Amino acid sequence: MLQFFKYVLATLVGIFVFFILSLILLTAIGSAFSSGNKASEIKEDSVLKLSLNQQIVENAPSEDPFEMILDNQGAKVGLVDLKEAIANAKLDPNIKGIYLDVEYPVAGISTLEELRGSLKDFKKSGKFIWSYSEVMSEPAYYLNSVADRIFLPEVGDMEFNGLNAKITFMKGLFEKLGVEPVIFRVGEYKSAVEPYIRTNMSPENKLQISSYVNSIADQIYGQVAESRGKTMDEINEILNNPVGSAEEAKEKGLITDIGYYDSFEKALKEELGLDEDKKIGFVELKKYSTAKKYVESGNRNNRIAVIVGQGTIYSGEGNSDSIGSDSWIEELRKAAKDKKVKAIVLRINSGGGSALASDVMWREIELAKKEKPVYASMGDYAASGGYYMAMGCDTIVANPTTVTGSIGIFGMLFNAQELMNNKLGITFDGVETHEHSDFPSLVSEMPETEKRMIQNMVNKGYERFTTKAAAGRKMELAKLKSLAGGRVWTGVQAKENGLVDVLGNLEDAVKLAAKRTGIEEDYQVRYYPKPKTDIELVMERLNAKIEGNIDSKLGIMLPLAKKIEELQSMERLQAKLPYDVVIE
């Protein structure tokens, strides 16, 4: 009987706790929703604080009503929101300057380049940009270098030693597991399969990586040199002999001030003319997104539709981290039919993926061009399947550091017979009605006839890709093929080779599209897909929290687990970047 009462009491306590937590949850949600429509008041002498130690993606919800309920793990900030806030702050009389809080930004180099360009434009207003960081990674310093004053504590750490590119090779792992990759490809540079069949880079792959990484380095370090008032020779000398202390960083002109946060705060108060006992009016991005708008929105009947596509390309539905051909095409069709939309800009940030999905989207772009101009704006990546999307557009605009090209096709299957038979003791048997009924089999040796079938598919896919690319670029097929073969280029190199038309950012692409349609004096930019609903947001945050907990358990095995998950989702033919390369 005593045990029974214990269970009853525990149940009652559980119900009570659940009730209290539910009440808190509903109150928080109600508070978040009720505050969502209020305009933020920005006081005089305020400073826009940009906290950039998170993932920066193309487009993200500017406001998350569930941030107070769920922790901020996995939170993202949109490049679009950051650039809009900076542009508005440039005109806002109550904003006196920007404080950059950046140590470890998670973003591609081209994304950082666009953000840095917006910060550089902000300085034309005569307002200041200051930064304070306890440590600075190489990407962080790239952003911070645009600041008027750069603070680093005397024990602070700073990375400024050049770029390096790394690829993870898994041939040894597959050999230990008893899994044999079966590879099909076209082009000496189409090396997406190298991590599965080699233990190091092929000479061709090393050549192209060296070429485009050095091109990126020339671009970003040239910008750093300009901002810090140095020559490229001086910057290269510093990169080859990295600074070892804050004192040395200041001595070489990389930073302006050595000091802790209190010193930074004191100096900033003096800049703002505040008394020591007064607080600095820092304004975070979330609050500033609802502040008064000083940038005119433009004529709503003259719209430029920016359709954002970021992540790996798949058939079917996509999400915020991938491009699904079905959902992406739906957005393109709506924009093409909308009479208020005068031109379309495709913002592409993808290293490719499914060759089938890429080709299907290319076809829809061809149809959309019959309705109105279609421009491409390349972000961090617009390579392989990403270039497949761009090549049919009227004009292609790329950032100087965009990774593009990689015009090629590959296919990959795995023979796990040894793993199943000899290491796990699993065998298979069955019957077939025809000679190739079991094609393709992942647990037996593939006959040469079947290998030839897939290789023929890859060859035809490559011919289709290059022929359409040549037509889109109005280039002789032989010339196009000399630039293809899976070869990767930066935006600068692609412009020189005729694979892109203009070097510039998203705003440049929008301006060109507006000018093409004669609405450059008064137009409005709309981004698609539209922001998620609040329910979609909370479900995404919950899923991210669950995945984050799982990922934390995997530890150093996380990259391998992600790679295996990606391999499982691949279709037979891929138009994808030649490798997963990490530039740091």
Protein backbone atom coordinates (compact mmCIF):
# COMPACT_ATOMS: atom_id res chain seq x y z
CA MET A 1 0.00 0.00 0.00
CA LEU A 2 2.89 2.37 0.85
CA GLN A 3 4.41 1.73 -2.59
CA PHE A 4 1.07 2.56 -4.20
CA PHE A 5 0.90 5.94 -2.45
CA LYS A 6 4.47 6.68 -3.56
CA TYR A 7 3.50 6.13 -7.18
CA VAL A 8 0.36 8.28 -6.78
CA LEU A 9 2.33 11.07 -5.14
CA ALA A 10 5.04 10.94 -7.83
CA THR A 11 2.35 11.11 -10.54
CA LEU A 12 0.70 14.13 -8.92
CA VAL A 13 4.02 15.92 -8.58
CA GLY A 14 4.81 15.16 -12.23
CA ILE A 15 1.46 16.54 -13.36
CA PHE A 16 1.97 19.66 -11.28
CA VAL A 17 5.49 20.26 -12.66
CA PHE A 18 4.22 19.70 -16.22
CA PHE A 19 1.42 22.22 -15.59
CA ILE A 20 3.85 24.85 -14.28
CA LEU A 21 6.28 24.33 -17.18
CA SER A 22 3.43 24.51 -19.71
CA LEU A 23 2.22 27.76 -18.13
CA ILE A 24 5.73 29.22 -18.33
CA LEU A 25 6.04 28.07 -21.95
CA LEU A 26 2.71 29.60 -22.99
CA THR A 27 3.53 32.83 -21.16
CA ALA A 28 6.89 33.06 -22.91
CA ILE A 29 5.32 32.38 -26.30
CA GLY A 30 2.61 34.96 -25.67
CA SER A 31 5.18 37.51 -24.56
CA ALA A 32 7.30 36.82 -27.62
CA PHE A 33 4.34 37.18 -29.97
CA SER A 34 2.99 40.33 -28.28
CA SER A 35 6.37 42.04 -28.54
CA GLY A 36 6.87 40.99 -32.13
CA ASN A 37 4.87 43.88 -33.60
CA LYS A 38 6.37 46.66 -31.47
CA ALA A 39 8.79 49.04 -33.16
CA SER A 40 12.08 49.40 -31.34
CA GLU A 41 13.02 52.85 -30.14
CA ILE A 42 16.64 53.74 -30.83
CA LYS A 43 18.03 56.38 -28.52
CA GLU A 44 20.57 59.03 -29.45
CA ASP A 45 24.25 58.09 -29.48
CA SER A 46 23.49 54.39 -29.89
CA VAL A 47 25.97 51.85 -31.25
CA LEU A 48 24.91 48.93 -33.42
CA LYS A 49 26.49 45.79 -31.98
CA LEU A 50 27.04 42.99 -34.48
CA SER A 51 27.64 39.69 -32.69
CA LEU A 52 28.98 37.42 -35.41
CA ASN A 53 30.16 34.35 -33.50
CA GLN A 54 27.55 32.14 -35.11
CA GLN A 55 26.66 30.64 -38.45
CA ILE A 56 26.04 33.23 -41.15
CA VAL A 57 23.73 31.93 -43.89
CA GLU A 58 22.15 33.57 -46.93
CA ASN A 59 18.77 34.15 -45.35
CA ALA A 60 17.49 33.38 -41.87
CA PRO A 61 14.50 34.51 -39.79
CA SER A 62 15.34 37.97 -38.47
CA GLU A 63 13.45 37.27 -35.26
CA ASP A 64 13.09 34.01 -33.35
CA PRO A 65 10.19 34.20 -30.86
CA PHE A 66 11.39 31.01 -29.16
CA GLU A 67 14.89 32.19 -28.35
CA MET A 68 13.91 32.75 -24.71
CA ILE A 69 12.51 29.21 -24.46
CA LEU A 70 15.15 27.20 -26.27
CA ASP A 71 18.86 27.82 -25.99
CA ASN A 72 20.65 29.47 -28.88
CA GLN A 73 22.61 26.38 -29.92
CA GLY A 74 22.67 26.13 -33.67
CA ALA A 75 21.28 29.65 -34.14
CA LYS A 76 21.88 31.33 -37.47
CA VAL A 77 21.98 34.88 -38.66
CA GLY A 78 21.09 35.92 -42.20
CA LEU A 79 23.53 37.77 -44.43
CA VAL A 80 20.54 39.61 -45.86
CA ASP A 81 19.52 40.87 -42.40
CA LEU A 82 23.06 41.92 -41.53
CA LYS A 83 23.51 43.92 -44.73
CA GLU A 84 20.08 45.56 -44.40
CA ALA A 85 20.85 46.57 -40.80
CA ILE A 86 24.22 48.05 -41.78
CA ALA A 87 22.68 49.98 -44.67
CA ASN A 88 19.95 51.35 -42.40
CA ALA A 89 22.43 52.26 -39.66
CA LYS A 90 24.40 54.24 -42.19
CA LEU A 91 21.42 56.60 -42.55
CA ASP A 92 20.10 56.41 -38.97
CA PRO A 93 20.99 59.67 -37.12
CA ASN A 94 20.74 57.87 -33.76
CA ILE A 95 23.40 55.29 -34.67
CA LYS A 96 26.87 56.72 -34.19
CA GLY A 97 28.88 53.66 -35.10
CA ILE A 98 29.22 49.88 -35.17
CA TYR A 99 30.83 47.55 -32.64
CA LEU A 100 32.10 44.32 -34.19
CA ASP A 101 32.03 41.40 -31.77
CA VAL A 102 33.62 38.66 -33.85
CA GLU A 103 36.04 35.89 -32.96
CA TYR A 104 34.92 32.70 -34.72
CA PRO A 105 32.39 33.47 -37.46
CA VAL A 106 31.05 30.37 -39.23
CA ALA A 107 30.74 31.46 -42.86
CA GLY A 108 32.21 31.04 -46.31
CA ILE A 109 34.82 33.47 -47.54
CA SER A 110 32.51 34.99 -50.13
CA THR A 111 29.86 35.60 -47.46
CA LEU A 112 32.46 37.38 -45.34
CA GLU A 113 33.55 39.36 -48.39
CA GLU A 114 30.02 40.65 -48.97
CA LEU A 115 29.58 41.50 -45.30
CA ARG A 116 32.93 43.28 -45.24
CA GLY A 117 31.90 45.24 -48.32
CA SER A 118 28.79 46.46 -46.50
CA LEU A 119 30.90 47.54 -43.52
CA LYS A 120 33.28 49.38 -45.82
CA ASP A 121 30.33 51.18 -47.42
CA PHE A 122 29.04 52.13 -43.95
CA LYS A 123 32.27 54.02 -43.26
CA LYS A 124 31.46 56.40 -46.12
CA SER A 125 28.93 57.98 -43.73
CA GLY A 126 31.80 59.20 -41.54
CA LYS A 127 30.61 57.02 -38.67
CA PHE A 128 33.04 54.73 -36.89
CA ILE A 129 33.55 50.97 -36.76
CA TRP A 130 35.36 49.59 -33.73
CA SER A 131 36.12 45.99 -32.84
CA TYR A 132 37.04 44.20 -29.64
CA SER A 133 37.99 40.52 -29.59
CA GLU A 134 39.76 38.39 -27.01
CA VAL A 135 40.85 36.08 -29.80
CA MET A 136 40.70 36.51 -33.55
CA SER A 137 40.55 33.68 -36.05
CA GLU A 138 41.68 34.38 -39.61
CA PRO A 139 38.07 35.00 -40.82
CA ALA A 140 37.46 37.24 -37.80
CA TYR A 141 40.49 39.38 -38.56
CA TYR A 142 39.43 39.63 -42.19
CA LEU A 143 36.24 41.35 -40.97
CA ASN A 144 37.89 43.27 -38.13
CA SER A 145 40.57 44.69 -40.43
CA VAL A 146 38.02 47.09 -41.88
CA ALA A 147 37.52 48.72 -38.46
CA ASP A 148 38.91 52.15 -37.52
CA ARG A 149 40.11 50.85 -34.16
CA ILE A 150 40.87 47.21 -33.37
CA PHE A 151 41.26 46.21 -29.71
CA LEU A 152 43.00 43.04 -28.50
CA PRO A 153 43.89 42.24 -24.86
CA GLU A 154 47.58 41.93 -24.07
CA VAL A 155 47.12 38.17 -23.62
CA GLY A 156 44.78 37.90 -26.60
CA ASP A 157 45.45 35.51 -29.45
CA MET A 158 45.36 36.35 -33.13
CA GLU A 159 45.58 34.09 -36.18
CA PHE A 160 46.99 35.71 -39.30
CA ASN A 161 49.16 33.22 -41.14
CA GLY A 162 47.55 32.52 -44.52
CA LEU A 163 45.06 30.03 -45.89
CA ASN A 164 45.31 26.28 -46.05
CA ALA A 165 43.00 23.71 -47.63
CA LYS A 166 42.43 20.23 -46.25
CA ILE A 167 40.59 17.19 -47.58
CA THR A 168 39.64 14.14 -45.54
CA PHE A 169 40.47 10.84 -47.27
CA MET A 170 38.61 7.66 -46.30
CA LYS A 171 40.14 4.98 -48.50
CA GLY A 172 41.86 3.38 -45.52
CA LEU A 173 38.60 3.28 -43.58
CA PHE A 174 36.77 1.56 -46.43
CA GLU A 175 39.58 -0.97 -46.77
CA LYS A 176 39.33 -1.83 -43.08
CA LEU A 177 35.56 -2.11 -43.33
CA GLY A 178 35.68 -4.21 -46.47
CA VAL A 179 33.79 -1.74 -48.66
CA GLU A 180 34.91 -1.16 -52.26
CA PRO A 181 33.90 2.10 -53.98
CA VAL A 182 32.90 1.65 -57.63
CA ILE A 183 33.66 4.92 -59.43
CA PHE A 184 32.44 6.49 -62.68
CA ARG A 185 33.54 9.97 -63.75
CA VAL A 186 34.45 12.27 -66.62
CA GLY A 187 37.25 14.86 -66.52
CA GLU A 188 40.73 14.86 -65.05
CA TYR A 189 39.71 17.43 -62.45
CA LYS A 190 36.42 15.80 -61.39
CA SER A 191 37.89 14.52 -58.17
CA ALA A 192 34.86 14.29 -55.90
CA VAL A 193 35.58 10.58 -55.68
CA GLU A 194 39.22 10.95 -54.63
CA PRO A 195 38.54 10.78 -50.86
CA TYR A 196 37.16 7.25 -51.38
CA ILE A 197 39.86 5.83 -53.66
CA ARG A 198 43.04 7.69 -52.65
CA THR A 199 44.94 8.62 -49.52
CA ASN A 200 46.12 11.96 -50.90
CA MET A 201 45.39 14.49 -53.64
CA SER A 202 46.04 13.69 -57.25
CA PRO A 203 48.47 16.09 -59.01
CA GLU A 204 45.54 17.55 -61.00
CA ASN A 205 43.49 18.12 -57.88
CA LYS A 206 46.40 19.71 -56.02
CA LEU A 207 46.99 22.00 -59.01
CA GLN A 208 43.44 23.33 -59.08
CA ILE A 209 43.18 23.70 -55.30
CA SER A 210 46.46 25.59 -55.20
CA SER A 211 45.28 27.81 -58.04
CA TYR A 212 41.98 28.86 -56.57
CA VAL A 213 43.13 29.09 -52.93
CA ASN A 214 45.94 31.43 -53.98
CA SER A 215 43.44 33.45 -56.02
CA ILE A 216 41.24 33.80 -52.91
CA ALA A 217 44.26 34.75 -50.82
CA ASP A 218 45.27 37.48 -53.28
CA GLN A 219 41.76 38.91 -53.07
CA ILE A 220 41.20 38.95 -49.30
CA TYR A 221 44.73 39.90 -48.26
CA GLY A 222 44.72 42.65 -50.85
CA GLN A 223 41.64 44.07 -49.09
CA VAL A 224 43.34 43.74 -45.71
CA ALA A 225 46.41 45.56 -47.04
CA GLU A 226 44.25 48.41 -48.33
CA SER A 227 42.38 48.79 -45.02
CA ARG A 228 45.53 48.70 -42.90
CA GLY A 229 47.48 51.02 -45.20
CA LYS A 230 50.07 48.45 -46.22
CA THR A 231 51.47 46.99 -49.40
CA MET A 232 50.92 43.36 -50.38
CA ASP A 233 54.62 42.73 -49.89
CA GLU A 234 54.33 43.92 -46.29
CA ILE A 235 51.25 41.76 -45.67
CA ASN A 236 52.93 38.70 -47.19
CA GLU A 237 55.96 39.28 -44.97
CA ILE A 238 53.69 39.27 -41.90
CA LEU A 239 51.86 36.15 -43.12
CA ASN A 240 55.16 34.33 -43.54
CA ASN A 241 56.33 35.45 -40.10
CA PRO A 242 53.12 35.38 -37.99
CA VAL A 243 52.76 37.67 -35.00
CA GLY A 244 53.19 35.99 -31.62
CA SER A 245 51.67 38.60 -29.31
CA ALA A 246 49.33 41.57 -29.15
CA GLU A 247 52.34 43.87 -28.87
CA GLU A 248 53.78 42.50 -32.10
CA ALA A 249 50.39 42.75 -33.82
CA LYS A 250 50.20 46.43 -32.90
CA GLU A 251 53.79 47.04 -33.86
CA LYS A 252 53.13 45.63 -37.32
CA GLY A 253 49.94 47.68 -37.71
CA LEU A 254 47.45 44.82 -37.67
CA ILE A 255 45.64 46.21 -34.63
CA THR A 256 45.41 49.72 -33.20
CA ASP A 257 44.96 49.18 -29.45
CA ILE A 258 46.08 46.76 -26.74
CA GLY A 259 43.53 46.65 -23.96
CA TYR A 260 40.88 44.67 -22.12
CA TYR A 261 37.17 45.27 -22.51
CA ASP A 262 37.12 47.99 -19.84
CA SER A 263 39.71 49.95 -21.84
CA PHE A 264 37.65 49.46 -25.00
CA GLU A 265 34.51 50.60 -23.18
CA LYS A 266 36.22 53.67 -21.70
CA ALA A 267 37.59 54.73 -25.08
CA LEU A 268 34.19 54.20 -26.71
CA LYS A 269 32.51 56.40 -24.08
CA GLU A 270 35.01 59.14 -24.83
CA GLU A 271 34.26 58.77 -28.55
CA LEU A 272 30.54 59.12 -27.83
CA GLY A 273 31.02 61.96 -25.34
CA LEU A 274 29.50 60.00 -22.46
CA ASP A 275 30.30 60.38 -18.79
CA GLU A 276 32.04 57.45 -17.13
CA ASP A 277 28.95 56.51 -15.12
CA LYS A 278 26.73 56.36 -18.21
CA LYS A 279 26.02 53.12 -20.08
CA ILE A 280 26.74 52.76 -23.78
CA GLY A 281 23.55 52.29 -25.78
CA PHE A 282 24.39 49.08 -27.60
CA VAL A 283 21.69 47.89 -29.99
CA GLU A 284 21.67 44.22 -30.99
CA LEU A 285 20.64 43.09 -34.48
CA LYS A 286 17.41 41.51 -33.22
CA LYS A 287 16.21 44.78 -31.73
CA TYR A 288 17.44 46.88 -34.63
CA SER A 289 15.53 44.77 -37.14
CA THR A 290 12.30 46.34 -35.84
CA ALA A 291 13.62 49.90 -35.65
CA LYS A 292 12.60 52.75 -37.93
CA LYS A 293 13.62 52.18 -41.55
CA TYR A 294 15.62 54.90 -43.26
CA VAL A 295 16.30 52.91 -46.43
CA GLU A 296 13.34 53.39 -48.75
CA SER A 297 11.56 50.14 -49.62
CA GLY A 298 10.68 51.19 -53.18
CA ASN A 299 7.68 50.67 -55.44
CA ARG A 300 5.91 47.42 -54.46
CA ASN A 301 4.59 47.12 -58.02
CA ASN A 302 8.13 47.03 -59.39
CA ARG A 303 9.70 44.06 -57.67
CA ILE A 304 12.94 42.19 -58.09
CA ALA A 305 12.42 38.66 -56.79
CA VAL A 306 15.52 37.16 -55.18
CA ILE A 307 15.13 33.39 -54.94
CA VAL A 308 17.64 31.99 -52.48
CA GLY A 309 19.03 28.50 -52.97
CA GLN A 310 21.65 27.29 -50.51
CA GLY A 311 23.06 23.85 -49.73
CA THR A 312 23.26 20.51 -51.50
CA ILE A 313 20.90 19.93 -54.44
CA TYR A 314 18.35 17.11 -54.14
CA SER A 315 15.22 16.02 -55.96
CA GLY A 316 11.98 16.71 -54.08
CA GLU A 317 11.43 19.10 -51.21
CA GLY A 318 14.26 21.15 -49.74
CA ASN A 319 14.80 23.01 -46.48
CA SER A 320 16.88 25.91 -45.17
CA ASP A 321 20.06 23.85 -45.59
CA SER A 322 19.40 22.27 -49.00
CA ILE A 323 17.93 22.97 -52.43
CA GLY A 324 15.03 20.69 -53.26
CA SER A 325 14.15 20.88 -56.95
CA ASP A 326 10.37 20.66 -56.37
CA SER A 327 10.12 23.44 -53.77
CA TRP A 328 12.70 25.62 -55.56
CA ILE A 329 10.88 25.32 -58.89
CA GLU A 330 7.61 26.26 -57.20
CA GLU A 331 9.16 29.55 -56.03
CA LEU A 332 10.59 30.23 -59.50
CA ARG A 333 7.26 29.60 -61.21
CA LYS A 334 5.41 31.92 -58.83
CA ALA A 335 7.92 34.70 -59.48
CA ALA A 336 7.73 34.17 -63.24
CA LYS A 337 3.92 34.49 -63.20
CA ASP A 338 3.73 37.40 -60.74
CA LYS A 339 3.04 40.58 -62.72
CA LYS A 340 4.55 42.73 -59.98
CA VAL A 341 7.88 40.93 -60.37
CA LYS A 342 9.81 42.55 -63.22
CA ALA A 343 12.99 40.48 -62.98
CA ILE A 344 14.34 37.48 -61.08
CA VAL A 345 17.72 37.09 -59.38
CA LEU A 346 18.77 33.58 -58.39
CA ARG A 347 21.02 33.73 -55.34
CA ILE A 348 22.99 30.48 -55.57
CA ASN A 349 25.15 29.18 -52.76
CA SER A 350 25.67 25.51 -53.58
CA GLY A 351 28.45 23.10 -54.41
CA GLY A 352 25.97 21.00 -56.39
CA GLY A 353 24.36 17.62 -55.85
CA SER A 354 21.90 15.61 -57.90
CA ALA A 355 22.55 15.89 -61.64
CA LEU A 356 18.89 15.11 -62.34
CA ALA A 357 17.58 17.82 -60.01
CA SER A 358 20.09 20.33 -61.43
CA ASP A 359 18.95 19.62 -64.98
CA VAL A 360 15.26 19.88 -64.07
CA MET A 361 15.85 23.29 -62.47
CA TRP A 362 17.87 24.41 -65.51
CA ARG A 363 14.85 23.65 -67.68
CA GLU A 364 12.59 25.79 -65.47
CA ILE A 365 15.06 28.65 -65.69
CA GLU A 366 14.90 28.44 -69.48
CA LEU A 367 11.10 28.69 -69.29
CA ALA A 368 11.21 31.57 -66.78
CA LYS A 369 13.49 33.57 -69.12
CA LYS A 370 10.66 33.66 -71.63
CA GLU A 371 8.61 35.61 -69.10
CA LYS A 372 11.21 38.03 -67.68
CA PRO A 373 14.98 38.51 -67.24
CA VAL A 374 16.71 36.01 -64.95
CA TYR A 375 20.06 36.88 -63.36
CA ALA A 376 22.37 34.72 -61.26
CA SER A 377 24.23 35.93 -58.17
CA MET A 378 26.87 33.51 -56.90
CA GLY A 379 27.64 33.29 -53.18
CA ASP A 380 30.34 31.18 -51.54
CA TYR A 381 29.82 28.37 -54.04
CA ALA A 382 28.05 28.04 -57.35
CA ALA A 383 29.87 24.99 -58.64
CA SER A 384 28.91 21.86 -60.54
CA GLY A 385 25.13 21.60 -60.00
CA GLY A 386 25.25 25.17 -58.70
CA TYR A 387 26.83 26.28 -61.97
CA TYR A 388 24.26 24.15 -63.82
CA MET A 389 21.61 26.43 -62.32
CA ALA A 390 23.47 29.63 -63.18
CA MET A 391 24.57 28.82 -66.72
CA GLY A 392 21.14 29.34 -68.25
CA CYS A 393 20.65 32.82 -66.78
CA ASP A 394 20.80 36.00 -68.85
CA THR A 395 23.73 37.34 -66.81
CA ILE A 396 25.95 35.70 -64.19
CA VAL A 397 27.36 37.82 -61.35
CA ALA A 398 30.00 36.29 -59.07
CA ASN A 399 31.93 37.50 -56.06
CA PRO A 400 35.69 37.56 -56.66
CA THR A 401 36.12 34.76 -54.09
CA THR A 402 33.20 32.63 -55.26
CA VAL A 403 34.14 29.01 -55.95
CA THR A 404 32.54 28.09 -59.26
CA GLY A 405 32.93 25.96 -62.37
CA SER A 406 33.45 22.23 -61.65
CA ILE A 407 31.58 21.41 -64.85
CA GLY A 408 31.47 17.64 -64.69
CA ILE A 409 29.51 14.53 -63.68
CA PHE A 410 30.39 11.55 -61.55
CA GLY A 411 28.69 8.41 -60.26
CA MET A 412 29.58 6.29 -57.27
CA LEU A 413 28.36 2.98 -55.89
CA PHE A 414 29.72 0.76 -53.13
CA ASN A 415 30.35 -2.97 -53.08
CA ALA A 416 29.96 -4.12 -49.46
CA GLN A 417 30.27 -7.85 -50.19
CA GLU A 418 33.42 -8.39 -48.11
CA LEU A 419 31.96 -6.42 -45.19
CA MET A 420 28.73 -8.43 -45.23
CA ASN A 421 30.12 -11.90 -46.02
CA ASN A 422 33.50 -12.07 -44.34
CA LYS A 423 33.32 -9.54 -41.49
CA LEU A 424 29.67 -9.61 -40.45
CA GLY A 425 28.80 -13.14 -41.56
CA ILE A 426 25.79 -11.98 -43.56
CA THR A 427 25.09 -13.67 -46.90
CA PHE A 428 22.47 -13.14 -49.59
CA ASP A 429 20.74 -15.41 -52.08
CA GLY A 430 17.80 -15.01 -54.44
CA VAL A 431 16.39 -15.45 -57.92
CA GLU A 432 16.22 -13.15 -60.95
CA THR A 433 13.86 -13.07 -63.92
CA HIS A 434 16.37 -11.37 -66.22
CA GLU A 435 20.10 -10.92 -66.58
CA HIS A 436 20.27 -7.52 -64.88
CA SER A 437 17.28 -7.70 -62.50
CA ASP A 438 19.62 -7.20 -59.54
CA PHE A 439 21.23 -4.07 -61.02
CA PRO A 440 22.80 -2.33 -59.25
CA SER A 441 23.74 -4.66 -56.40
CA LEU A 442 25.64 -3.32 -53.39
CA VAL A 443 26.59 -6.76 -52.06
CA SER A 444 28.22 -8.39 -55.08
CA GLU A 445 30.83 -7.67 -57.72
CA MET A 446 29.40 -5.57 -60.55
CA PRO A 447 29.75 -7.15 -64.03
CA GLU A 448 31.71 -5.17 -66.63
CA THR A 449 28.57 -4.78 -68.77
CA GLU A 450 26.81 -2.98 -65.93
CA LYS A 451 29.85 -0.81 -65.25
CA ARG A 452 29.83 0.22 -68.90
CA MET A 453 26.12 1.08 -68.63
CA ILE A 454 26.75 3.52 -65.78
CA GLN A 455 29.87 4.98 -67.38
CA ASN A 456 27.83 5.62 -70.53
CA MET A 457 25.26 7.45 -68.39
CA VAL A 458 28.02 9.57 -66.90
CA ASN A 459 29.48 10.32 -70.34
CA LYS A 460 26.09 11.36 -71.70
CA GLY A 461 25.46 13.49 -68.62
CA TYR A 462 28.78 15.25 -69.16
CA GLU A 463 28.01 15.92 -72.83
CA ARG A 464 24.61 17.28 -71.84
CA PHE A 465 26.14 19.51 -69.17
CA THR A 466 28.89 20.94 -71.37
CA THR A 467 26.63 21.41 -74.41
CA LYS A 468 24.08 23.38 -72.40
CA ALA A 469 26.83 25.37 -70.67
CA ALA A 470 28.38 26.28 -74.02
CA ALA A 471 25.00 27.39 -75.35
CA GLY A 472 24.29 29.45 -72.25
CA ARG A 473 27.68 31.16 -72.39
CA LYS A 474 27.52 31.54 -76.18
CA MET A 475 30.86 29.76 -76.37
CA GLU A 476 32.29 27.14 -78.71
CA LEU A 477 31.88 23.68 -77.22
CA ALA A 478 35.60 22.94 -77.56
CA LYS A 479 36.45 26.13 -75.65
CA LEU A 480 33.93 25.31 -72.94
CA LYS A 481 35.32 21.80 -72.55
CA SER A 482 38.81 23.22 -72.11
CA LEU A 483 37.44 25.00 -69.01
CA ALA A 484 35.40 22.04 -67.83
CA GLY A 485 36.58 18.56 -66.90
CA GLY A 486 35.50 19.30 -63.34
CA ARG A 487 38.01 22.19 -63.01
CA VAL A 488 37.22 24.64 -60.21
CA TRP A 489 37.74 28.40 -60.52
CA THR A 490 37.33 31.48 -58.35
CA GLY A 491 35.03 34.27 -59.49
CA VAL A 492 38.03 36.27 -60.70
CA GLN A 493 39.33 33.35 -62.75
CA ALA A 494 35.86 32.48 -64.07
CA LYS A 495 35.38 36.06 -65.24
CA GLU A 496 38.68 35.91 -67.13
CA ASN A 497 37.61 32.62 -68.73
CA GLY A 498 34.13 33.79 -69.70
CA LEU A 499 32.24 31.52 -67.31
CA VAL A 500 30.74 34.54 -65.53
CA ASP A 501 29.88 38.01 -66.83
CA VAL A 502 30.34 40.43 -63.95
CA LEU A 503 32.26 40.53 -60.67
CA GLY A 504 30.04 41.80 -57.89
CA ASN A 505 27.75 40.98 -55.00
CA LEU A 506 24.02 40.35 -54.71
CA GLU A 507 23.20 44.07 -54.73
CA ASP A 508 25.11 44.47 -57.99
CA ALA A 509 23.08 41.67 -59.56
CA VAL A 510 19.83 43.28 -58.36
CA LYS A 511 20.85 46.67 -59.76
CA LEU A 512 21.70 45.14 -63.14
CA ALA A 513 18.34 43.37 -63.26
CA ALA A 514 16.51 46.57 -62.33
CA LYS A 515 18.35 48.54 -65.00
CA ARG A 516 17.60 45.86 -67.59
CA THR A 517 13.88 46.27 -66.94
CA GLY A 518 13.95 50.08 -66.70
CA ILE A 519 12.89 50.30 -63.04
CA GLU A 520 16.27 51.28 -61.56
CA GLU A 521 14.86 54.53 -60.15
CA ASP A 522 12.17 52.92 -58.00
CA TYR A 523 11.91 49.24 -57.19
CA GLN A 524 11.49 46.85 -54.28
CA VAL A 525 13.46 43.70 -53.48
CA ARG A 526 11.61 40.64 -52.18
CA TYR A 527 13.32 37.47 -50.92
CA TYR A 528 11.95 34.00 -51.42
CA PRO A 529 11.18 31.53 -49.94
CA LYS A 530 9.31 33.62 -47.38
CA PRO A 531 10.32 33.42 -43.70
CA LYS A 532 9.10 30.40 -41.78
CA THR A 533 6.00 30.52 -39.62
CA ASP A 534 6.41 30.51 -35.85
CA ILE A 535 5.36 26.86 -35.66
CA GLU A 536 7.91 25.92 -38.32
CA LEU A 537 10.53 27.87 -36.39
CA VAL A 538 9.92 26.09 -33.10
CA MET A 539 9.93 22.68 -34.77
CA GLU A 540 13.22 23.52 -36.50
CA ARG A 541 14.74 24.69 -33.23
CA LEU A 542 13.59 21.53 -31.44
CA ASN A 543 15.03 19.35 -34.20
CA ALA A 544 18.28 21.31 -34.12
CA LYS A 545 18.50 20.82 -30.36
CA ILE A 546 17.93 17.07 -30.68
CA GLU A 547 20.47 16.78 -33.52
CA GLY A 548 22.92 18.89 -31.53
CA ASN A 549 22.66 16.54 -28.58
CA ILE A 550 23.25 13.55 -30.85
CA ASP A 551 26.15 15.26 -32.59
CA SER A 552 27.82 16.03 -29.27
CA LYS A 553 27.86 12.30 -28.49
CA LEU A 554 29.67 11.50 -31.74
CA GLY A 555 32.65 13.73 -30.95
CA ILE A 556 35.49 13.36 -33.46
CA MET A 557 33.39 10.83 -35.40
CA LEU A 558 30.84 13.54 -36.32
CA PRO A 559 32.41 14.49 -39.71
CA LEU A 560 32.49 10.82 -40.74
CA ALA A 561 28.89 10.28 -39.65
CA LYS A 562 27.79 13.32 -41.65
CA LYS A 563 29.66 12.05 -44.70
CA ILE A 564 28.01 8.62 -44.45
CA GLU A 565 24.60 10.27 -44.12
CA GLU A 566 25.31 12.32 -47.24
CA LEU A 567 26.41 9.23 -49.19
CA GLN A 568 23.18 7.47 -48.27
CA SER A 569 21.12 10.35 -49.69
CA MET A 570 23.02 10.61 -53.00
CA GLU A 571 21.34 9.80 -56.28
CA ARG A 572 23.17 7.73 -58.88
CA LEU A 573 24.66 10.65 -60.84
CA GLN A 574 26.07 13.71 -59.16
CA ALA A 575 26.98 17.18 -60.39
CA LYS A 576 28.89 18.14 -57.29
CA LEU A 577 32.03 19.96 -56.22
CA PRO A 578 35.11 17.80 -56.65
CA TYR A 579 35.69 17.37 -52.92
CA ASP A 580 34.71 18.56 -49.48
CA VAL A 581 37.59 20.94 -48.86
CA VAL A 582 38.03 23.00 -45.73
CA ILE A 583 39.77 26.36 -46.23
CA GLU A 584 41.06 27.91 -43.02
